[in-house]
Amino acid sequence: MIAIVRIAGRVGIRQEIAETLDRLRLRRKFVCAVYEEKPEIIGMVKKVKDFVAYGKIDEEFMARLLAARGKKKDGKSISEEEAKKIAKEFFAGKKLEELGVKPFFRLHPPRGGIDSKHHYPKGVLGKHDNIKELIERML
């Protein structure tokens, strides 16, 4: 699975980039979405690489993300037991909408700030080897 976090805001973005971010459900700054690594998703992520940070996550981290920032369709929080169950089913192939969970996560701005809006490893944009550390600071 691949986690995508929007870093840049909405001002000054070309229309086609804005549409791609909208289709990825990254409509605001500091919103995270998790997708299966398919060629279609990878193509969209490469198109918006100057506005997002992305990288691979595992089932354990997904459960932590669900417990910390996941919301059910009715807006209620998710307990840790539910989060582990949902993460397991999500990695088995089900979609978050089918599991009754909103398909995006609203995150806090990163504690400690953003290094710079340059590409990784100099900054935070683009493909990360350690996306978990960035998201951990945002939980």
N, C-alpha and C. Protein backbone atom coordinates (compact mmCIF):
# COMPACT_ATOMS: atom_id res chain seq x y z
N MET A 1 0.84 -1.19 0.00
CA MET A 1 0.00 0.00 0.00
C MET A 1 0.88 1.24 0.00
N ILE A 2 0.33 2.30 -0.55
CA ILE A 2 1.06 3.56 -0.65
C ILE A 2 0.25 4.65 0.04
N ALA A 3 0.91 5.41 0.93
CA ALA A 3 0.29 6.53 1.63
C ALA A 3 0.73 7.82 0.95
N ILE A 4 -0.23 8.71 0.69
CA ILE A 4 0.04 9.97 0.02
C ILE A 4 -0.43 11.09 0.93
N VAL A 5 0.46 12.06 1.20
CA VAL A 5 0.13 13.20 2.07
C VAL A 5 0.29 14.48 1.26
N ARG A 6 -0.74 15.30 1.22
CA ARG A 6 -0.64 16.58 0.51
C ARG A 6 0.10 17.58 1.39
N ILE A 7 1.12 18.21 0.80
CA ILE A 7 1.94 19.19 1.52
C ILE A 7 1.63 20.61 1.06
N ALA A 8 1.51 20.82 -0.25
CA ALA A 8 1.29 22.16 -0.79
C ALA A 8 -0.19 22.51 -0.77
N GLY A 9 -0.47 23.81 -0.70
CA GLY A 9 -1.84 24.28 -0.65
C GLY A 9 -2.47 24.39 -2.03
N ARG A 10 -3.55 25.17 -2.13
CA ARG A 10 -4.34 25.23 -3.36
C ARG A 10 -3.99 26.40 -4.26
N VAL A 11 -3.27 27.39 -3.78
CA VAL A 11 -3.02 28.60 -4.54
C VAL A 11 -1.98 28.35 -5.63
N GLY A 12 -2.29 28.78 -6.83
CA GLY A 12 -1.34 28.72 -7.94
C GLY A 12 -1.14 27.36 -8.56
N ILE A 13 -2.09 26.46 -8.39
CA ILE A 13 -1.97 25.11 -8.94
C ILE A 13 -2.73 25.05 -10.27
N ARG A 14 -2.12 24.44 -11.29
CA ARG A 14 -2.77 24.28 -12.59
C ARG A 14 -4.03 23.41 -12.44
N GLN A 15 -4.96 23.60 -13.35
CA GLN A 15 -6.24 22.92 -13.29
C GLN A 15 -6.08 21.39 -13.33
N GLU A 16 -5.23 20.87 -14.19
CA GLU A 16 -5.09 19.42 -14.30
C GLU A 16 -4.47 18.82 -13.04
N ILE A 17 -3.58 19.55 -12.38
CA ILE A 17 -3.00 19.08 -11.12
C ILE A 17 -4.08 19.09 -10.03
N ALA A 18 -4.89 20.15 -10.01
CA ALA A 18 -5.97 20.25 -9.02
C ALA A 18 -6.96 19.11 -9.19
N GLU A 19 -7.28 18.75 -10.43
CA GLU A 19 -8.20 17.65 -10.69
C GLU A 19 -7.62 16.32 -10.22
N THR A 20 -6.33 16.12 -10.47
CA THR A 20 -5.69 14.87 -10.06
C THR A 20 -5.67 14.76 -8.54
N LEU A 21 -5.35 15.85 -7.84
CA LEU A 21 -5.38 15.84 -6.38
C LEU A 21 -6.78 15.58 -5.86
N ASP A 22 -7.78 16.14 -6.54
CA ASP A 22 -9.16 15.92 -6.15
C ASP A 22 -9.56 14.46 -6.32
N ARG A 23 -9.11 13.82 -7.40
CA ARG A 23 -9.43 12.42 -7.63
C ARG A 23 -8.73 11.50 -6.63
N LEU A 24 -7.58 11.95 -6.13
CA LEU A 24 -6.88 11.19 -5.09
C LEU A 24 -7.44 11.48 -3.70
N ARG A 25 -8.46 12.33 -3.63
CA ARG A 25 -9.10 12.75 -2.38
C ARG A 25 -8.16 13.52 -1.47
N LEU A 26 -7.29 14.32 -2.09
CA LEU A 26 -6.36 15.16 -1.34
C LEU A 26 -6.76 16.61 -1.62
N ARG A 27 -7.85 17.03 -1.02
CA ARG A 27 -8.42 18.33 -1.34
C ARG A 27 -7.87 19.47 -0.49
N ARG A 28 -7.19 19.16 0.61
CA ARG A 28 -6.64 20.19 1.49
C ARG A 28 -5.21 19.83 1.89
N LYS A 29 -4.54 20.80 2.49
CA LYS A 29 -3.19 20.53 3.01
C LYS A 29 -3.28 19.56 4.19
N PHE A 30 -2.25 18.74 4.33
CA PHE A 30 -2.09 17.81 5.45
C PHE A 30 -3.23 16.79 5.52
N VAL A 31 -3.66 16.32 4.37
CA VAL A 31 -4.63 15.23 4.28
C VAL A 31 -3.89 14.04 3.70
N CYS A 32 -4.17 12.86 4.25
CA CYS A 32 -3.51 11.63 3.83
C CYS A 32 -4.54 10.68 3.25
N ALA A 33 -4.16 9.98 2.18
CA ALA A 33 -4.99 8.93 1.60
C ALA A 33 -4.11 7.72 1.36
N VAL A 34 -4.68 6.54 1.49
CA VAL A 34 -3.93 5.29 1.31
C VAL A 34 -4.56 4.51 0.17
N TYR A 35 -3.71 4.09 -0.77
CA TYR A 35 -4.17 3.36 -1.95
C TYR A 35 -3.31 2.13 -2.18
N GLU A 36 -3.90 1.19 -2.93
CA GLU A 36 -3.15 0.03 -3.39
C GLU A 36 -2.21 0.49 -4.50
N GLU A 37 -1.04 -0.11 -4.59
CA GLU A 37 -0.06 0.29 -5.61
C GLU A 37 -0.46 -0.29 -6.95
N LYS A 38 -1.24 0.46 -7.71
CA LYS A 38 -1.64 0.09 -9.06
C LYS A 38 -0.97 1.06 -10.03
N PRO A 39 -0.77 0.66 -11.28
CA PRO A 39 -0.14 1.57 -12.25
C PRO A 39 -0.91 2.89 -12.43
N GLU A 40 -2.25 2.84 -12.33
CA GLU A 40 -3.05 4.06 -12.48
C GLU A 40 -2.76 5.04 -11.34
N ILE A 41 -2.70 4.52 -10.13
CA ILE A 41 -2.44 5.37 -8.95
C ILE A 41 -1.02 5.91 -9.00
N ILE A 42 -0.05 5.07 -9.36
CA ILE A 42 1.34 5.50 -9.44
C ILE A 42 1.49 6.62 -10.48
N GLY A 43 0.79 6.50 -11.61
CA GLY A 43 0.83 7.54 -12.63
C GLY A 43 0.28 8.86 -12.12
N MET A 44 -0.82 8.80 -11.37
CA MET A 44 -1.41 10.03 -10.82
C MET A 44 -0.48 10.64 -9.77
N VAL A 45 0.15 9.80 -8.97
CA VAL A 45 1.04 10.30 -7.92
C VAL A 45 2.27 10.96 -8.55
N LYS A 46 2.80 10.37 -9.60
CA LYS A 46 3.96 10.97 -10.28
C LYS A 46 3.61 12.32 -10.89
N LYS A 47 2.37 12.47 -11.31
CA LYS A 47 1.92 13.74 -11.88
C LYS A 47 1.90 14.85 -10.82
N VAL A 48 1.57 14.50 -9.58
CA VAL A 48 1.45 15.51 -8.52
C VAL A 48 2.60 15.45 -7.52
N LYS A 49 3.72 14.86 -7.90
CA LYS A 49 4.85 14.65 -6.97
C LYS A 49 5.42 15.94 -6.41
N ASP A 50 5.17 17.07 -7.06
CA ASP A 50 5.67 18.35 -6.56
C ASP A 50 4.77 18.95 -5.48
N PHE A 51 3.68 18.30 -5.16
CA PHE A 51 2.73 18.82 -4.18
C PHE A 51 2.46 17.85 -3.03
N VAL A 52 2.96 16.61 -3.14
CA VAL A 52 2.68 15.59 -2.14
C VAL A 52 3.95 14.87 -1.72
N ALA A 53 3.85 14.19 -0.58
CA ALA A 53 4.88 13.24 -0.12
C ALA A 53 4.21 11.88 -0.12
N TYR A 54 4.92 10.84 -0.57
CA TYR A 54 4.32 9.52 -0.61
C TYR A 54 5.36 8.44 -0.35
N GLY A 55 4.88 7.29 0.07
CA GLY A 55 5.75 6.16 0.35
C GLY A 55 4.93 4.95 0.78
N LYS A 56 5.61 3.83 0.95
CA LYS A 56 4.94 2.58 1.30
C LYS A 56 4.72 2.49 2.81
N ILE A 57 3.57 1.90 3.17
CA ILE A 57 3.28 1.63 4.59
C ILE A 57 2.85 0.17 4.73
N ASP A 58 2.91 -0.33 5.95
CA ASP A 58 2.52 -1.70 6.21
C ASP A 58 1.21 -1.74 7.00
N GLU A 59 0.74 -2.95 7.26
CA GLU A 59 -0.55 -3.15 7.93
C GLU A 59 -0.56 -2.59 9.35
N GLU A 60 0.55 -2.77 10.06
CA GLU A 60 0.63 -2.29 11.44
C GLU A 60 0.52 -0.77 11.51
N PHE A 61 1.20 -0.09 10.60
CA PHE A 61 1.15 1.38 10.59
C PHE A 61 -0.23 1.86 10.16
N MET A 62 -0.87 1.15 9.25
CA MET A 62 -2.22 1.50 8.82
C MET A 62 -3.19 1.41 10.00
N ALA A 63 -3.04 0.39 10.83
CA ALA A 63 -3.90 0.25 12.01
C ALA A 63 -3.68 1.42 12.96
N ARG A 64 -2.42 1.84 13.12
CA ARG A 64 -2.12 2.99 13.98
C ARG A 64 -2.74 4.27 13.42
N LEU A 65 -2.65 4.45 12.11
CA LEU A 65 -3.23 5.62 11.46
C LEU A 65 -4.75 5.63 11.61
N LEU A 66 -5.38 4.48 11.45
CA LEU A 66 -6.83 4.38 11.62
C LEU A 66 -7.26 4.70 13.05
N ALA A 67 -6.51 4.18 14.02
CA ALA A 67 -6.85 4.41 15.43
C ALA A 67 -6.67 5.88 15.80
N ALA A 68 -5.63 6.52 15.27
CA ALA A 68 -5.33 7.90 15.64
C ALA A 68 -6.22 8.91 14.92
N ARG A 69 -6.40 8.74 13.60
CA ARG A 69 -7.10 9.76 12.81
C ARG A 69 -8.24 9.25 11.95
N GLY A 70 -8.53 7.97 11.99
CA GLY A 70 -9.61 7.43 11.17
C GLY A 70 -10.98 7.81 11.72
N LYS A 71 -11.91 8.00 10.81
CA LYS A 71 -13.30 8.33 11.18
C LYS A 71 -14.25 7.41 10.43
N LYS A 72 -15.29 6.99 11.13
CA LYS A 72 -16.35 6.21 10.48
C LYS A 72 -17.19 7.15 9.63
N LYS A 73 -18.06 6.57 8.83
CA LYS A 73 -18.93 7.38 7.96
C LYS A 73 -19.80 8.35 8.76
N ASP A 74 -20.18 7.97 9.99
CA ASP A 74 -21.01 8.84 10.82
C ASP A 74 -20.19 9.85 11.61
N GLY A 75 -18.86 9.87 11.44
CA GLY A 75 -18.00 10.86 12.08
C GLY A 75 -17.40 10.43 13.41
N LYS A 76 -17.71 9.21 13.86
CA LYS A 76 -17.18 8.74 15.13
C LYS A 76 -15.77 8.18 14.96
N SER A 77 -15.01 8.19 16.05
CA SER A 77 -13.65 7.68 16.02
C SER A 77 -13.63 6.15 15.98
N ILE A 78 -12.45 5.59 15.71
CA ILE A 78 -12.27 4.15 15.59
C ILE A 78 -11.40 3.68 16.75
N SER A 79 -11.83 2.62 17.43
CA SER A 79 -11.04 2.07 18.53
C SER A 79 -9.86 1.27 17.97
N GLU A 80 -8.90 0.95 18.84
CA GLU A 80 -7.71 0.22 18.38
C GLU A 80 -8.04 -1.17 17.89
N GLU A 81 -8.98 -1.86 18.55
CA GLU A 81 -9.35 -3.21 18.11
C GLU A 81 -10.01 -3.16 16.73
N GLU A 82 -10.91 -2.19 16.55
CA GLU A 82 -11.55 -2.03 15.26
C GLU A 82 -10.52 -1.67 14.19
N ALA A 83 -9.57 -0.81 14.54
CA ALA A 83 -8.55 -0.37 13.59
C ALA A 83 -7.72 -1.54 13.08
N LYS A 84 -7.34 -2.46 13.98
CA LYS A 84 -6.56 -3.63 13.57
C LYS A 84 -7.37 -4.50 12.62
N LYS A 85 -8.66 -4.68 12.93
CA LYS A 85 -9.53 -5.50 12.08
C LYS A 85 -9.72 -4.86 10.71
N ILE A 86 -9.96 -3.55 10.69
CA ILE A 86 -10.17 -2.83 9.43
C ILE A 86 -8.90 -2.85 8.59
N ALA A 87 -7.74 -2.65 9.22
CA ALA A 87 -6.47 -2.66 8.49
C ALA A 87 -6.22 -4.02 7.85
N LYS A 88 -6.53 -5.07 8.58
CA LYS A 88 -6.34 -6.44 8.05
C LYS A 88 -7.22 -6.67 6.82
N GLU A 89 -8.49 -6.25 6.90
CA GLU A 89 -9.41 -6.41 5.78
C GLU A 89 -9.00 -5.51 4.61
N PHE A 90 -8.51 -4.30 4.91
CA PHE A 90 -8.07 -3.37 3.87
C PHE A 90 -6.89 -3.95 3.10
N PHE A 91 -5.93 -4.53 3.80
CA PHE A 91 -4.78 -5.14 3.14
C PHE A 91 -5.16 -6.44 2.43
N ALA A 92 -6.31 -7.02 2.78
CA ALA A 92 -6.79 -8.21 2.09
C ALA A 92 -7.45 -7.86 0.77
N GLY A 93 -7.76 -6.57 0.56
CA GLY A 93 -8.31 -6.16 -0.74
C GLY A 93 -9.59 -5.36 -0.71
N LYS A 94 -10.21 -5.18 0.46
CA LYS A 94 -11.43 -4.39 0.54
C LYS A 94 -11.09 -2.90 0.53
N LYS A 95 -12.07 -2.09 0.14
CA LYS A 95 -11.89 -0.63 0.16
C LYS A 95 -12.37 -0.08 1.49
N LEU A 96 -11.84 1.09 1.86
CA LEU A 96 -12.22 1.70 3.13
C LEU A 96 -13.71 2.06 3.16
N GLU A 97 -14.27 2.48 2.02
CA GLU A 97 -15.69 2.83 1.97
C GLU A 97 -16.55 1.60 2.27
N GLU A 98 -16.13 0.44 1.78
CA GLU A 98 -16.88 -0.80 2.04
C GLU A 98 -16.85 -1.17 3.52
N LEU A 99 -15.78 -0.76 4.20
CA LEU A 99 -15.61 -1.07 5.62
C LEU A 99 -16.25 -0.01 6.52
N GLY A 100 -16.89 1.00 5.93
CA GLY A 100 -17.57 2.03 6.71
C GLY A 100 -16.66 3.10 7.27
N VAL A 101 -15.52 3.32 6.60
CA VAL A 101 -14.54 4.31 7.07
C VAL A 101 -14.35 5.36 5.98
N LYS A 102 -14.16 6.61 6.38
CA LYS A 102 -13.87 7.66 5.41
C LYS A 102 -12.53 7.35 4.74
N PRO A 103 -12.41 7.58 3.42
CA PRO A 103 -11.21 7.16 2.68
C PRO A 103 -10.03 8.12 2.77
N PHE A 104 -10.04 9.05 3.70
CA PHE A 104 -8.93 9.98 3.87
C PHE A 104 -8.76 10.28 5.35
N PHE A 105 -7.61 10.83 5.70
CA PHE A 105 -7.29 11.12 7.10
C PHE A 105 -6.84 12.58 7.19
N ARG A 106 -7.50 13.35 8.04
CA ARG A 106 -7.09 14.73 8.28
C ARG A 106 -5.99 14.72 9.33
N LEU A 107 -4.82 15.20 8.97
CA LEU A 107 -3.68 15.15 9.88
C LEU A 107 -3.36 16.53 10.43
N HIS A 108 -2.62 16.54 11.53
CA HIS A 108 -2.10 17.74 12.14
C HIS A 108 -0.89 18.19 11.33
N PRO A 109 -0.59 19.49 11.25
CA PRO A 109 0.68 19.89 10.61
C PRO A 109 1.85 19.22 11.35
N PRO A 110 2.93 18.89 10.66
CA PRO A 110 4.00 18.11 11.29
C PRO A 110 4.63 18.83 12.48
N ARG A 111 4.69 18.14 13.60
CA ARG A 111 5.34 18.70 14.78
C ARG A 111 6.84 18.78 14.49
N GLY A 112 7.41 19.92 14.77
CA GLY A 112 8.81 20.14 14.43
C GLY A 112 8.95 20.83 13.08
N GLY A 113 7.86 20.99 12.37
CA GLY A 113 7.85 21.70 11.10
C GLY A 113 8.28 20.84 9.93
N ILE A 114 8.20 21.45 8.76
CA ILE A 114 8.62 20.80 7.52
C ILE A 114 10.02 21.28 7.22
N ASP A 115 10.90 20.35 6.85
CA ASP A 115 12.29 20.71 6.57
C ASP A 115 12.34 21.79 5.49
N SER A 116 11.82 21.51 4.34
CA SER A 116 11.68 22.48 3.26
C SER A 116 10.82 21.86 2.19
N LYS A 117 10.29 22.68 1.33
CA LYS A 117 9.45 22.16 0.26
C LYS A 117 10.31 21.85 -0.96
N HIS A 118 11.30 20.99 -0.75
CA HIS A 118 12.12 20.44 -1.82
C HIS A 118 11.86 18.95 -1.85
N HIS A 119 12.40 18.30 -2.86
CA HIS A 119 12.20 16.86 -2.96
C HIS A 119 13.09 16.11 -1.98
N TYR A 120 12.59 14.94 -1.56
CA TYR A 120 13.32 14.08 -0.64
C TYR A 120 14.63 13.65 -1.29
N PRO A 121 15.77 13.61 -0.61
CA PRO A 121 16.02 13.70 0.81
C PRO A 121 16.29 15.11 1.32
N LYS A 122 16.33 16.09 0.42
CA LYS A 122 16.59 17.46 0.85
C LYS A 122 15.39 18.07 1.57
N GLY A 123 14.19 17.70 1.15
CA GLY A 123 12.97 18.23 1.75
C GLY A 123 11.95 17.12 1.96
N VAL A 124 10.68 17.48 1.88
CA VAL A 124 9.64 16.50 2.18
C VAL A 124 8.85 16.04 0.96
N LEU A 125 8.95 16.71 -0.14
CA LEU A 125 8.14 16.35 -1.30
C LEU A 125 8.66 15.13 -2.03
N GLY A 126 7.77 14.45 -2.76
CA GLY A 126 8.16 13.32 -3.57
C GLY A 126 8.15 12.01 -2.81
N LYS A 127 8.83 11.01 -3.38
CA LYS A 127 8.84 9.66 -2.80
C LYS A 127 9.76 9.61 -1.59
N HIS A 128 9.22 9.04 -0.49
CA HIS A 128 9.95 8.92 0.77
C HIS A 128 10.27 7.46 1.06
N ASP A 129 11.46 7.23 1.58
CA ASP A 129 11.78 5.91 2.10
C ASP A 129 11.19 5.77 3.50
N ASN A 130 11.06 6.90 4.20
CA ASN A 130 10.58 6.88 5.59
C ASN A 130 9.34 7.77 5.75
N ILE A 131 8.32 7.51 4.95
CA ILE A 131 7.07 8.28 5.05
C ILE A 131 6.42 8.09 6.41
N LYS A 132 6.69 6.96 7.04
CA LYS A 132 6.09 6.68 8.36
C LYS A 132 6.54 7.72 9.38
N GLU A 133 7.80 8.16 9.31
CA GLU A 133 8.29 9.16 10.27
C GLU A 133 7.56 10.48 10.09
N LEU A 134 7.32 10.89 8.84
CA LEU A 134 6.61 12.14 8.58
C LEU A 134 5.17 12.05 9.08
N ILE A 135 4.49 10.95 8.76
CA ILE A 135 3.10 10.81 9.19
C ILE A 135 3.03 10.68 10.71
N GLU A 136 4.00 10.03 11.31
CA GLU A 136 4.05 9.88 12.78
C GLU A 136 4.08 11.25 13.45
N ARG A 137 4.82 12.20 12.87
CA ARG A 137 4.88 13.55 13.43
C ARG A 137 3.58 14.30 13.23
N MET A 138 2.73 13.81 12.33
CA MET A 138 1.47 14.49 12.02
C MET A 138 0.26 13.88 12.72
N LEU A 139 0.43 12.76 13.44
CA LEU A 139 -0.70 12.10 14.10
C LEU A 139 -1.17 12.83 15.32
